[in-house]
N, C-alpha and C. Protein backbone atom coordinates (compact mmCIF):
# COMPACT_ATOMS: atom_id res chain seq x y z
N UNK A 1 0.71 -1.21 0.04
CA UNK A 1 -0.06 -0.03 -0.01
C UNK A 1 0.95 1.40 -0.03
N UNK A 2 0.67 2.27 -0.90
CA UNK A 2 1.55 3.29 -1.04
C UNK A 2 1.45 4.23 0.10
N UNK A 3 2.18 5.02 0.51
CA UNK A 3 2.33 6.01 1.74
C UNK A 3 2.04 7.55 1.30
N UNK A 4 1.04 8.08 1.59
CA UNK A 4 0.66 9.49 1.31
C UNK A 4 0.66 10.43 2.29
N UNK A 5 1.30 11.39 2.27
CA UNK A 5 1.43 12.45 3.33
C UNK A 5 0.22 13.14 3.41
N UNK A 6 -0.15 13.63 4.64
CA UNK A 6 -1.30 14.48 5.10
C UNK A 6 -0.57 15.47 5.84
N UNK A 7 -0.39 16.72 5.39
CA UNK A 7 0.43 17.74 5.85
C UNK A 7 -0.46 18.50 6.54
N UNK A 8 -1.23 17.96 7.48
CA UNK A 8 -2.36 18.45 8.09
C UNK A 8 -1.60 19.79 9.37
N UNK A 9 -0.25 19.36 9.75
CA UNK A 9 0.45 20.40 10.30
C UNK A 9 1.79 20.79 9.36
N UNK A 10 2.31 21.77 9.51
CA UNK A 10 3.72 21.81 8.98
C UNK A 10 4.54 23.00 9.78
N UNK A 11 5.72 22.80 9.53
CA UNK A 11 6.81 23.61 10.49
C UNK A 11 6.98 22.75 11.71
N UNK A 12 8.27 23.12 12.63
CA UNK A 12 8.51 22.51 13.64
C UNK A 12 9.67 23.23 14.51
N UNK A 13 10.33 22.78 15.14
CA UNK A 13 11.53 23.35 15.97
C UNK A 13 12.42 22.17 16.39
N UNK A 14 13.59 22.88 16.42
CA UNK A 14 14.61 21.84 16.85
C UNK A 14 14.50 21.28 18.45
N UNK A 15 14.51 20.25 18.45
CA UNK A 15 14.32 19.58 19.81
C UNK A 15 15.29 18.76 20.41
N UNK A 16 16.18 17.93 19.64
CA UNK A 16 17.68 17.05 19.77
C UNK A 16 18.35 17.42 18.61
N UNK A 17 19.59 16.82 18.85
CA UNK A 17 20.54 16.74 17.98
C UNK A 17 19.90 15.84 16.56
N UNK A 18 19.27 14.78 16.77
CA UNK A 18 18.73 14.18 15.77
C UNK A 18 17.90 15.28 14.48
N UNK A 19 17.36 16.39 15.01
CA UNK A 19 16.66 17.21 14.13
C UNK A 19 17.91 17.96 13.24
N UNK A 20 19.07 17.93 13.57
CA UNK A 20 19.94 18.98 12.74
C UNK A 20 19.87 18.85 11.22
N UNK A 21 19.77 17.54 10.76
CA UNK A 21 19.40 17.58 9.04
C UNK A 21 18.00 17.04 8.62
N UNK A 22 17.03 17.88 9.32
CA UNK A 22 15.61 17.56 8.93
C UNK A 22 15.77 18.25 7.59
N UNK A 23 15.20 17.27 6.80
CA UNK A 23 14.85 17.70 5.37
C UNK A 23 13.96 18.59 5.29
N UNK A 24 12.76 18.87 5.94
CA UNK A 24 11.99 19.93 5.56
C UNK A 24 12.47 21.22 6.13
N UNK A 25 13.24 21.12 7.36
CA UNK A 25 13.82 22.35 7.77
C UNK A 25 14.68 23.06 6.52
N UNK A 26 15.68 22.42 6.14
CA UNK A 26 16.53 22.77 5.09
C UNK A 26 15.74 22.98 3.72
N UNK A 27 14.59 22.58 3.36
CA UNK A 27 13.91 22.80 2.36
C UNK A 27 13.21 24.25 2.65
N UNK A 28 12.92 24.21 3.86
CA UNK A 28 12.15 25.87 4.11
C UNK A 28 13.23 26.81 3.95
N UNK A 29 14.40 26.73 4.65
CA UNK A 29 15.36 27.42 4.95
C UNK A 29 16.11 27.82 3.52
N UNK A 30 16.05 27.05 2.28
CA UNK A 30 16.76 27.25 1.08
C UNK A 30 15.59 28.14 0.46
N UNK A 31 14.26 27.91 0.76
CA UNK A 31 13.25 28.55 -0.06
C UNK A 31 12.81 29.94 0.87
N UNK A 32 13.20 30.11 1.83
CA UNK A 32 12.72 31.24 2.68
C UNK A 32 11.56 31.07 3.06
N UNK A 33 10.84 29.82 3.37
CA UNK A 33 9.53 29.61 3.96
C UNK A 33 9.43 29.98 5.64
N UNK A 34 8.56 30.34 5.96
CA UNK A 34 8.20 30.09 7.60
C UNK A 34 8.19 28.84 7.97
N UNK A 35 8.83 28.55 8.77
CA UNK A 35 8.93 27.21 9.30
C UNK A 35 8.28 27.19 10.97
N UNK A 36 7.56 28.29 11.51
CA UNK A 36 6.75 27.79 12.40
C UNK A 36 5.73 27.21 12.39
N UNK A 37 5.58 26.08 13.55
CA UNK A 37 4.20 25.25 13.64
C UNK A 37 2.98 25.82 13.24
N UNK A 38 2.39 25.19 12.20
CA UNK A 38 0.90 25.45 12.02
C UNK A 38 -0.03 24.44 11.85
N UNK A 39 -1.25 24.62 12.17
CA UNK A 39 -2.26 23.56 12.20
C UNK A 39 -2.85 24.13 10.71
N UNK A 40 -3.39 23.50 9.56
CA UNK A 40 -3.94 23.73 8.55
C UNK A 40 -5.38 23.10 8.48
N UNK A 41 -6.48 23.80 9.12
CA UNK A 41 -7.83 23.30 9.04
C UNK A 41 -8.22 22.87 7.87
N UNK A 42 -8.10 23.68 6.82
CA UNK A 42 -8.58 23.52 5.52
C UNK A 42 -8.20 22.29 5.04
N UNK A 43 -7.13 21.27 5.49
CA UNK A 43 -6.65 20.05 4.95
C UNK A 43 -7.46 18.90 5.69
N UNK A 44 -8.28 19.45 6.71
CA UNK A 44 -9.11 18.20 7.58
C UNK A 44 -9.89 17.43 6.69
N UNK A 45 -10.32 18.06 5.38
CA UNK A 45 -11.08 17.11 4.45
C UNK A 45 -10.30 16.11 3.52
N UNK A 46 -8.93 16.37 3.49
CA UNK A 46 -7.94 15.71 2.38
C UNK A 46 -8.31 14.20 2.72
N UNK A 47 -7.99 13.38 3.80
CA UNK A 47 -8.15 12.24 3.66
C UNK A 47 -9.59 11.54 3.02
N UNK A 48 -10.52 12.34 3.24
CA UNK A 48 -11.91 11.74 2.54
C UNK A 48 -11.96 11.89 1.11
N UNK A 49 -10.77 12.60 0.36
CA UNK A 49 -10.59 12.78 -0.90
C UNK A 49 -9.91 11.84 -1.52
N UNK A 50 -9.10 11.35 -0.69
CA UNK A 50 -8.02 10.08 -1.13
C UNK A 50 -8.69 8.67 -1.37
N UNK A 51 -8.25 7.91 -2.60
CA UNK A 51 -9.00 6.88 -3.11
C UNK A 51 -8.53 5.70 -2.11
N UNK A 52 -9.55 5.27 -1.51
CA UNK A 52 -9.11 4.23 -0.19
C UNK A 52 -8.82 2.83 -1.07
N UNK A 53 -7.95 2.09 -0.37
CA UNK A 53 -7.42 2.26 1.09
C UNK A 53 -5.96 3.15 1.00
N UNK A 54 -5.70 3.91 1.80
CA UNK A 54 -4.39 4.23 1.66
C UNK A 54 -3.76 4.35 2.93
N UNK A 55 -2.47 4.38 2.97
CA UNK A 55 -1.79 4.38 4.26
C UNK A 55 -1.25 5.89 4.50
N UNK A 56 -1.65 6.65 5.40
CA UNK A 56 -1.30 8.01 5.50
C UNK A 56 -0.37 8.33 6.50
N UNK A 57 0.74 9.09 5.91
CA UNK A 57 1.55 9.43 7.09
C UNK A 57 1.11 10.95 7.35
N UNK A 58 0.85 11.20 8.61
CA UNK A 58 0.34 12.16 9.10
C UNK A 58 1.54 13.50 9.68
N UNK A 59 1.50 14.48 9.11
CA UNK A 59 2.58 15.47 9.56
C UNK A 59 3.82 15.00 9.42
N UNK A 60 4.09 14.49 8.20
CA UNK A 60 5.47 14.26 7.89
C UNK A 60 6.59 15.67 7.94
N UNK A 61 7.74 15.30 8.59
CA UNK A 61 8.43 16.28 8.55
C UNK A 61 8.06 17.68 9.64
N UNK A 62 7.02 17.60 10.42
CA UNK A 62 6.31 18.34 11.14
C UNK A 62 6.15 17.37 12.54
N UNK A 63 5.25 17.87 13.49
CA UNK A 63 5.08 16.93 14.50
C UNK A 63 3.71 17.43 15.05
N UNK A 64 2.47 16.61 15.04
CA UNK A 64 1.30 16.74 15.45
C UNK A 64 1.31 17.23 17.12
N UNK A 65 2.18 16.88 17.80
CA UNK A 65 2.34 16.87 19.10
C UNK A 65 2.78 18.04 19.51
N UNK A 66 3.47 19.08 18.90
CA UNK A 66 4.08 20.12 19.08
C UNK A 66 3.00 20.96 19.85
N UNK A 67 3.62 21.65 20.67
CA UNK A 67 2.97 22.60 21.91
C UNK A 67 2.29 23.58 21.15
N UNK A 68 2.61 24.17 20.17
CA UNK A 68 1.70 25.13 19.37
C UNK A 68 0.37 24.63 18.89
N UNK A 69 0.24 23.23 18.88
CA UNK A 69 -1.02 22.55 18.11
C UNK A 69 -1.94 22.11 19.40
N UNK A 70 -3.12 22.79 19.42
CA UNK A 70 -4.08 22.48 20.41
C UNK A 70 -4.45 21.17 20.39
N UNK A 71 -5.08 20.88 21.70
CA UNK A 71 -5.40 19.60 21.87
C UNK A 71 -6.95 19.67 20.95
N UNK A 72 -7.72 20.49 20.94
CA UNK A 72 -8.68 20.68 20.11
C UNK A 72 -8.46 20.29 18.83
N UNK A 73 -7.37 20.99 18.16
CA UNK A 73 -6.99 20.65 16.58
C UNK A 73 -6.46 19.29 16.64
N UNK A 74 -5.65 18.60 17.65
CA UNK A 74 -5.38 17.35 17.43
C UNK A 74 -6.81 16.33 17.61
N UNK A 75 -7.75 16.40 18.49
CA UNK A 75 -8.98 15.92 18.33
C UNK A 75 -9.52 15.89 16.97
N UNK A 76 -9.47 17.06 16.65
CA UNK A 76 -10.04 16.89 14.98
C UNK A 76 -9.47 16.21 13.94
N UNK A 77 -8.21 15.89 14.15
CA UNK A 77 -7.47 14.54 13.18
C UNK A 77 -7.91 13.76 13.99
N UNK A 78 -8.08 13.27 14.94
CA UNK A 78 -8.63 11.81 15.50
C UNK A 78 -9.96 11.69 15.07
N UNK A 79 -10.71 12.69 14.98
CA UNK A 79 -12.04 12.51 14.82
C UNK A 79 -12.21 11.91 12.91
N UNK A 80 -11.29 12.60 12.07
CA UNK A 80 -11.02 12.10 10.54
C UNK A 80 -10.63 10.81 10.81
N UNK A 81 -9.78 10.39 11.50
CA UNK A 81 -9.17 9.01 11.46
C UNK A 81 -10.30 8.05 11.87
N UNK A 82 -11.11 8.55 12.84
CA UNK A 82 -12.14 7.48 13.25
C UNK A 82 -13.25 7.61 11.94
N UNK A 83 -13.41 8.61 11.33
CA UNK A 83 -14.48 8.46 10.42
C UNK A 83 -13.84 7.97 9.02
N UNK A 84 -12.55 7.87 8.94
CA UNK A 84 -12.28 6.99 7.64
C UNK A 84 -11.51 5.72 8.05
N UNK A 85 -12.12 4.58 8.48
CA UNK A 85 -11.45 3.55 8.93
C UNK A 85 -10.87 2.57 7.87
N UNK A 86 -11.20 2.84 6.82
CA UNK A 86 -10.62 2.07 5.55
C UNK A 86 -9.46 2.35 5.54
N UNK A 87 -8.84 3.46 5.91
CA UNK A 87 -7.26 4.18 5.73
C UNK A 87 -6.75 3.45 7.07
N UNK A 88 -5.32 3.60 6.71
CA UNK A 88 -4.46 3.43 7.78
C UNK A 88 -3.87 4.58 8.18
N UNK A 89 -3.39 5.22 9.26
CA UNK A 89 -2.68 6.44 9.60
C UNK A 89 -1.54 6.26 10.37
N UNK A 90 -0.17 6.72 10.29
CA UNK A 90 1.00 6.69 10.83
C UNK A 90 1.34 8.19 11.62
N UNK A 91 1.47 8.13 12.89
CA UNK A 91 1.71 9.32 13.59
C UNK A 91 3.05 9.37 14.13
N UNK A 92 4.09 10.07 14.06
CA UNK A 92 5.22 9.82 14.84
C UNK A 92 5.58 11.33 15.14
N UNK A 93 6.19 11.38 16.84
CA UNK A 93 6.30 12.47 17.47
C UNK A 93 7.77 12.29 18.39
N UNK A 94 8.38 13.46 18.53
CA UNK A 94 9.54 13.48 19.37
C UNK A 94 9.09 13.81 20.82
N UNK A 95 7.87 14.30 20.85
CA UNK A 95 7.08 14.83 22.11
C UNK A 95 6.38 13.77 22.81
N UNK A 96 7.15 12.85 23.26
CA UNK A 96 6.38 11.72 23.87
C UNK A 96 5.79 12.27 25.46
N UNK A 97 6.35 13.25 25.96
CA UNK A 97 5.79 13.50 27.17
C UNK A 97 4.26 13.86 26.97
N UNK A 98 4.00 14.73 25.60
CA UNK A 98 2.97 15.33 25.61
C UNK A 98 2.06 14.24 25.00
N UNK A 99 2.40 13.47 24.24
CA UNK A 99 1.75 12.24 23.82
C UNK A 99 1.04 11.46 24.95
N UNK A 100 1.61 11.45 26.03
CA UNK A 100 0.94 10.66 26.95
C UNK A 100 0.12 11.48 27.71
N UNK A 101 0.48 12.80 27.94
CA UNK A 101 -0.32 13.79 28.75
C UNK A 101 -1.86 14.05 28.33
N UNK A 102 -1.68 13.94 27.00
CA UNK A 102 -3.07 14.29 26.44
C UNK A 102 -4.15 13.19 26.42
N UNK A 103 -3.52 12.04 26.99
CA UNK A 103 -4.26 10.81 27.00
C UNK A 103 -5.63 10.39 25.97
N UNK A 104 -5.14 10.25 25.14
CA UNK A 104 -5.95 10.19 23.62
C UNK A 104 -6.15 8.56 23.71
N UNK A 105 -7.46 8.36 23.43
CA UNK A 105 -8.00 6.78 23.15
C UNK A 105 -7.57 6.88 21.37
N UNK A 106 -6.68 6.34 20.88
CA UNK A 106 -6.49 6.39 19.32
C UNK A 106 -7.03 5.29 18.62
N UNK A 107 -7.73 5.51 17.53
CA UNK A 107 -8.58 4.56 16.78
C UNK A 107 -7.65 3.38 16.44
N UNK A 108 -8.17 2.30 16.11
CA UNK A 108 -7.45 1.11 15.80
C UNK A 108 -7.01 1.11 14.28
N UNK A 109 -7.37 1.90 13.71
CA UNK A 109 -6.63 2.19 12.20
C UNK A 109 -5.51 3.32 12.40
N UNK A 110 -4.76 3.41 13.15
CA UNK A 110 -3.51 4.10 13.23
C UNK A 110 -2.42 3.50 14.02
N UNK A 111 -1.34 3.95 13.57
CA UNK A 111 -0.29 3.41 14.53
C UNK A 111 0.49 4.70 15.13
N UNK A 112 1.28 4.69 16.12
CA UNK A 112 1.56 5.85 17.00
C UNK A 112 3.06 5.41 17.10
N UNK A 113 4.17 6.21 16.97
CA UNK A 113 5.28 5.97 17.43
C UNK A 113 6.09 7.12 17.73
N UNK A 114 7.32 6.90 18.28
CA UNK A 114 8.62 7.90 18.48
C UNK A 114 10.08 7.14 17.61
N UNK A 115 10.79 8.32 17.64
CA UNK A 115 12.01 7.92 17.32
C UNK A 115 12.80 7.78 18.75
N UNK A 116 13.91 7.01 18.39
CA UNK A 116 15.16 6.78 19.14
C UNK A 116 16.24 6.99 18.50
N UNK A 117 17.13 8.45 18.62
CA UNK A 117 18.29 8.61 18.04
C UNK A 117 19.47 7.87 18.47
N UNK A 118 19.52 7.63 19.64
CA UNK A 118 20.45 7.13 20.50
C UNK A 118 19.94 6.59 22.04
N UNK A 119 20.75 5.91 22.76
CA UNK A 119 20.59 5.43 23.99
C UNK A 119 19.72 6.28 24.91
N UNK A 120 20.26 7.71 24.92
CA UNK A 120 19.66 8.50 25.97
C UNK A 120 17.98 8.68 25.79
N UNK A 121 17.82 8.32 24.69
CA UNK A 121 16.43 8.69 24.45
C UNK A 121 15.45 7.45 24.39
N UNK A 122 15.88 6.41 25.11
CA UNK A 122 15.28 5.18 25.31
C UNK A 122 13.85 5.32 25.94
N UNK A 123 13.67 6.16 26.72
CA UNK A 123 12.92 6.53 27.84
C UNK A 123 11.58 6.76 27.33
N UNK A 124 11.62 7.23 25.82
CA UNK A 124 10.49 7.51 24.98
C UNK A 124 9.75 6.26 24.85
N UNK A 125 10.56 5.00 24.80
CA UNK A 125 9.94 3.83 24.56
C UNK A 125 8.78 3.45 25.76
N UNK A 126 9.43 3.93 27.17
CA UNK A 126 8.52 3.62 28.24
C UNK A 126 7.10 4.35 28.19
N UNK A 127 7.57 5.69 27.87
CA UNK A 127 6.44 6.37 27.40
C UNK A 127 5.16 5.99 26.41
N UNK A 128 5.92 5.49 25.64
CA UNK A 128 4.86 4.97 24.37
C UNK A 128 4.24 3.76 24.94
N UNK A 129 4.62 2.95 25.67
CA UNK A 129 3.85 1.90 26.12
C UNK A 129 2.72 2.42 27.00
N UNK A 130 2.78 3.58 27.44
CA UNK A 130 1.48 4.15 28.24
C UNK A 130 0.51 4.70 27.31
N UNK A 131 0.64 4.75 25.88
CA UNK A 131 -0.24 5.35 24.67
C UNK A 131 -1.34 4.40 24.66
N UNK A 132 -2.41 4.45 24.60
CA UNK A 132 -3.70 3.94 24.38
C UNK A 132 -4.05 3.76 22.73
N UNK A 133 -2.98 2.88 22.39
CA UNK A 133 -3.34 2.64 20.88
C UNK A 133 -2.92 1.23 20.30
N UNK A 134 -3.55 0.67 19.45
CA UNK A 134 -3.24 -0.54 19.17
C UNK A 134 -2.09 -1.03 18.73
N UNK A 135 -1.54 0.03 17.84
CA UNK A 135 -0.25 -0.59 17.19
C UNK A 135 0.98 0.59 17.60
N UNK A 136 2.01 0.20 17.95
CA UNK A 136 2.88 1.36 18.71
C UNK A 136 4.51 0.74 17.57
N UNK A 137 5.06 1.97 17.18
CA UNK A 137 5.93 1.73 16.61
C UNK A 137 7.25 2.63 16.92
N UNK A 138 8.58 2.23 16.56
CA UNK A 138 9.56 2.80 16.91
C UNK A 138 10.37 3.10 15.80
N UNK A 139 10.77 4.45 15.25
CA UNK A 139 12.01 4.78 14.33
C UNK A 139 13.32 4.94 15.12
N UNK A 140 14.20 4.12 14.73
CA UNK A 140 15.50 4.41 15.36
C UNK A 140 16.23 5.16 14.39
N UNK A 141 16.34 6.56 14.66
CA UNK A 141 16.95 7.50 13.94
C UNK A 141 16.39 8.48 13.72
N UNK A 142 16.86 9.75 13.24
CA UNK A 142 18.35 9.61 12.47
C UNK A 142 19.17 9.31 13.74
N UNK A 143 19.98 8.00 13.43
CA UNK A 143 20.90 7.94 14.32
C UNK A 143 22.16 8.55 14.70
N UNK A 144 22.26 8.61 15.91
CA UNK A 144 23.67 9.52 16.27
C UNK A 144 24.56 8.76 17.04
N UNK A 145 24.42 7.53 17.52
CA UNK A 145 24.96 6.64 18.17
C UNK A 145 24.24 5.14 18.35
N UNK A 146 24.92 4.56 19.06
CA UNK A 146 24.20 3.03 19.33
C UNK A 146 23.16 3.17 20.62
N UNK A 147 22.23 2.39 20.19
CA UNK A 147 20.83 2.35 21.25
C UNK A 147 21.32 1.50 22.67
N UNK A 148 22.05 0.44 22.54
CA UNK A 148 22.31 -0.41 23.41
C UNK A 148 21.16 -1.43 23.54
N UNK A 149 20.70 -2.03 24.86
CA UNK A 149 20.17 -3.10 25.12
C UNK A 149 18.50 -2.31 25.31
N UNK A 150 17.54 -2.80 24.71
CA UNK A 150 16.38 -2.30 24.57
C UNK A 150 15.25 -3.35 25.42
N UNK A 151 14.31 -2.70 26.00
CA UNK A 151 12.98 -3.24 26.18
C UNK A 151 12.02 -3.06 25.08
N UNK A 152 11.49 -4.01 24.60
CA UNK A 152 10.43 -3.89 23.36
C UNK A 152 9.28 -4.34 23.59
N UNK A 153 8.93 -4.72 24.79
CA UNK A 153 7.61 -5.06 25.20
C UNK A 153 6.57 -4.10 24.74
N UNK A 154 5.57 -5.08 24.00
CA UNK A 154 4.31 -4.14 23.54
C UNK A 154 4.72 -3.37 22.39
N UNK A 155 5.80 -3.31 21.74
CA UNK A 155 5.81 -2.75 20.58
C UNK A 155 5.86 -3.76 19.63
N UNK A 156 4.99 -2.99 18.63
CA UNK A 156 4.73 -4.08 17.49
C UNK A 156 5.56 -3.97 16.06
N UNK A 157 6.29 -2.92 15.79
CA UNK A 157 7.19 -2.76 14.82
C UNK A 157 8.35 -1.78 15.20
N UNK A 158 9.47 -1.84 14.00
CA UNK A 158 10.43 -0.74 14.43
C UNK A 158 11.22 -0.74 12.98
N UNK A 159 11.66 0.50 12.82
CA UNK A 159 12.64 0.57 11.70
C UNK A 159 13.63 1.40 11.84
N UNK A 160 14.97 1.59 10.92
CA UNK A 160 16.04 2.10 11.14
C UNK A 160 15.99 3.33 10.27
N UNK A 161 16.13 4.56 10.63
CA UNK A 161 16.26 5.78 9.48
C UNK A 161 17.65 5.99 9.42
N UNK A 162 17.97 5.96 8.03
CA UNK A 162 19.59 6.36 7.80
C UNK A 162 19.38 7.75 6.89
N UNK A 163 20.11 8.54 7.26
CA UNK A 163 20.09 10.18 6.73
C UNK A 163 20.76 9.81 5.08
N UNK A 164 19.92 10.78 4.23
CA UNK A 164 20.55 10.76 3.02
C UNK A 164 20.30 12.37 2.50
N UNK A 165 19.99 13.44 3.49
CA UNK A 165 19.68 14.47 3.32
C UNK A 165 20.73 15.65 3.91
N UNK A 166 20.44 16.75 3.84
CA UNK A 166 20.96 17.83 4.86
C UNK A 166 22.64 18.06 4.58
N UNK A 167 22.90 18.95 5.32
CA UNK A 167 24.39 19.28 4.55
C UNK A 167 25.51 18.53 5.17
N UNK A 168 25.10 17.84 6.17
CA UNK A 168 26.36 16.82 6.81
C UNK A 168 25.64 15.67 7.05
N UNK A 169 25.23 14.60 6.36
CA UNK A 169 24.43 13.23 6.49
C UNK A 169 25.67 12.58 7.50
N UNK A 170 24.65 11.96 8.83
CA UNK A 170 25.42 11.17 9.59
C UNK A 170 25.57 9.72 9.23
N UNK A 171 26.61 9.25 9.29
CA UNK A 171 26.89 7.75 9.14
C UNK A 171 26.52 6.97 10.10
N UNK A 172 25.75 5.60 9.46
CA UNK A 172 25.27 4.80 10.57
C UNK A 172 26.05 3.81 10.65
N UNK A 173 26.55 3.10 11.62
CA UNK A 173 27.35 1.91 11.52
C UNK A 173 26.17 0.75 11.39
N UNK A 174 26.86 -0.33 10.60
CA UNK A 174 26.10 -1.66 10.26
C UNK A 174 25.91 -2.19 11.84
N UNK A 175 26.80 -2.00 12.68
CA UNK A 175 26.75 -3.01 14.23
C UNK A 175 25.53 -2.23 15.04
N UNK A 176 25.32 -1.02 14.55
CA UNK A 176 24.01 -0.17 15.41
C UNK A 176 22.80 -0.81 14.91
N UNK A 177 22.55 -1.19 13.57
CA UNK A 177 21.64 -1.64 12.85
C UNK A 177 21.38 -3.16 13.18
N UNK A 178 22.55 -3.73 13.36
CA UNK A 178 22.32 -5.24 13.51
C UNK A 178 22.06 -5.36 14.95
N UNK A 179 22.51 -4.60 15.93
CA UNK A 179 22.03 -4.56 17.10
C UNK A 179 20.60 -4.65 17.30
N UNK A 180 19.97 -3.52 16.62
CA UNK A 180 18.56 -3.36 16.79
C UNK A 180 18.08 -4.63 16.15
N UNK A 181 18.29 -5.14 14.86
CA UNK A 181 17.83 -6.43 14.38
C UNK A 181 17.51 -7.27 15.15
N UNK A 182 18.75 -7.72 15.75
CA UNK A 182 18.76 -9.04 16.60
C UNK A 182 17.82 -8.86 17.94
N UNK A 183 17.56 -7.80 18.33
CA UNK A 183 16.76 -7.41 19.56
C UNK A 183 15.57 -7.55 19.00
N UNK A 184 14.76 -7.04 18.12
CA UNK A 184 13.69 -6.87 17.48
C UNK A 184 13.02 -8.30 17.38
N UNK A 185 14.22 -9.34 16.68
CA UNK A 185 13.79 -10.61 16.79
C UNK A 185 13.51 -11.55 18.03
N UNK A 186 14.64 -11.11 18.80
CA UNK A 186 14.33 -11.53 20.47
C UNK A 186 13.10 -11.24 21.09
N UNK A 187 12.37 -9.98 20.75
CA UNK A 187 11.32 -9.52 21.49
C UNK A 187 10.10 -9.65 20.43
N UNK A 188 10.53 -10.26 19.29
CA UNK A 188 9.16 -10.66 18.25
C UNK A 188 8.18 -9.38 17.98
N UNK A 189 9.49 -8.48 17.59
CA UNK A 189 8.91 -7.41 17.12
C UNK A 189 9.30 -7.06 15.56
N UNK A 190 8.53 -6.48 14.63
CA UNK A 190 8.50 -6.75 13.18
C UNK A 190 9.23 -5.75 12.88
N UNK A 191 10.33 -6.06 12.22
CA UNK A 191 11.37 -4.98 11.60
C UNK A 191 11.04 -4.64 10.26
N UNK A 192 10.91 -3.38 10.24
CA UNK A 192 10.56 -2.73 8.78
C UNK A 192 11.87 -2.30 8.23
N UNK A 193 11.98 -2.89 7.05
CA UNK A 193 13.40 -2.49 6.57
C UNK A 193 13.27 -1.21 5.79
N UNK A 194 12.11 -0.49 5.33
CA UNK A 194 11.75 0.45 4.56
C UNK A 194 10.80 1.26 5.53
N UNK A 195 10.83 2.86 5.89
CA UNK A 195 9.77 3.18 6.43
C UNK A 195 9.54 4.62 5.98
N UNK A 196 8.31 5.27 5.94
CA UNK A 196 8.05 6.62 5.33
C UNK A 196 8.91 7.42 5.87
N UNK A 197 9.42 7.69 6.76
CA UNK A 197 10.17 8.51 7.38
C UNK A 197 11.70 8.54 6.95
N UNK A 198 11.93 7.63 6.23
CA UNK A 198 13.32 7.41 5.60
C UNK A 198 13.56 7.71 4.48
N UNK A 199 14.47 8.48 3.78
CA UNK A 199 14.73 8.43 1.98
C UNK A 199 15.61 7.14 1.97
N UNK A 200 16.58 6.60 2.65
CA UNK A 200 17.24 5.49 2.50
C UNK A 200 17.36 4.94 3.70
N UNK A 201 17.25 3.41 3.77
CA UNK A 201 17.49 2.61 4.61
C UNK A 201 18.41 1.25 4.53
N UNK A 202 18.89 0.84 5.30
CA UNK A 202 19.86 -0.20 5.32
C UNK A 202 19.02 -1.28 5.44
């Protein structure tokens, strides 16, 4: 199933070093576009106009959980997801604290995930376990170091993001990827070799 972007929000801001090569930031910088986070209510109808079934990436290159996006706006997105059960939605966020704090019961036709760039962000996995969603995913990357030992209990699938953009793409060591693959097998987590957030994956 093809993956279609739904840019219900655009713009973001740097949160961690993993953001440094964000392709949407550098595109905005090159074109002089405003990169402040915005919610586009006019795009709420977009999924209704897509020929189903489609796999929809929600706010790619942005973050639906950004503090500039209100809970009311986020819930309007949830309402669309509920109203289009023939589609599947993928929502990724680095803002795991807000994801948990909003306490949303996500519809079954969506996956919610978090990135883990290196070992110091593994705490996001624990927060993801608290989210009321049927399908939980982890995007390992853009990696800035090995992640080490993982607790993947209640995680459904995972993938590794390899940078192929920005002014200085960071190299990913094969050993870092192998370490993740082995642990996914041990925890019976589906390893996805190609994911919508990546331009190139190992």
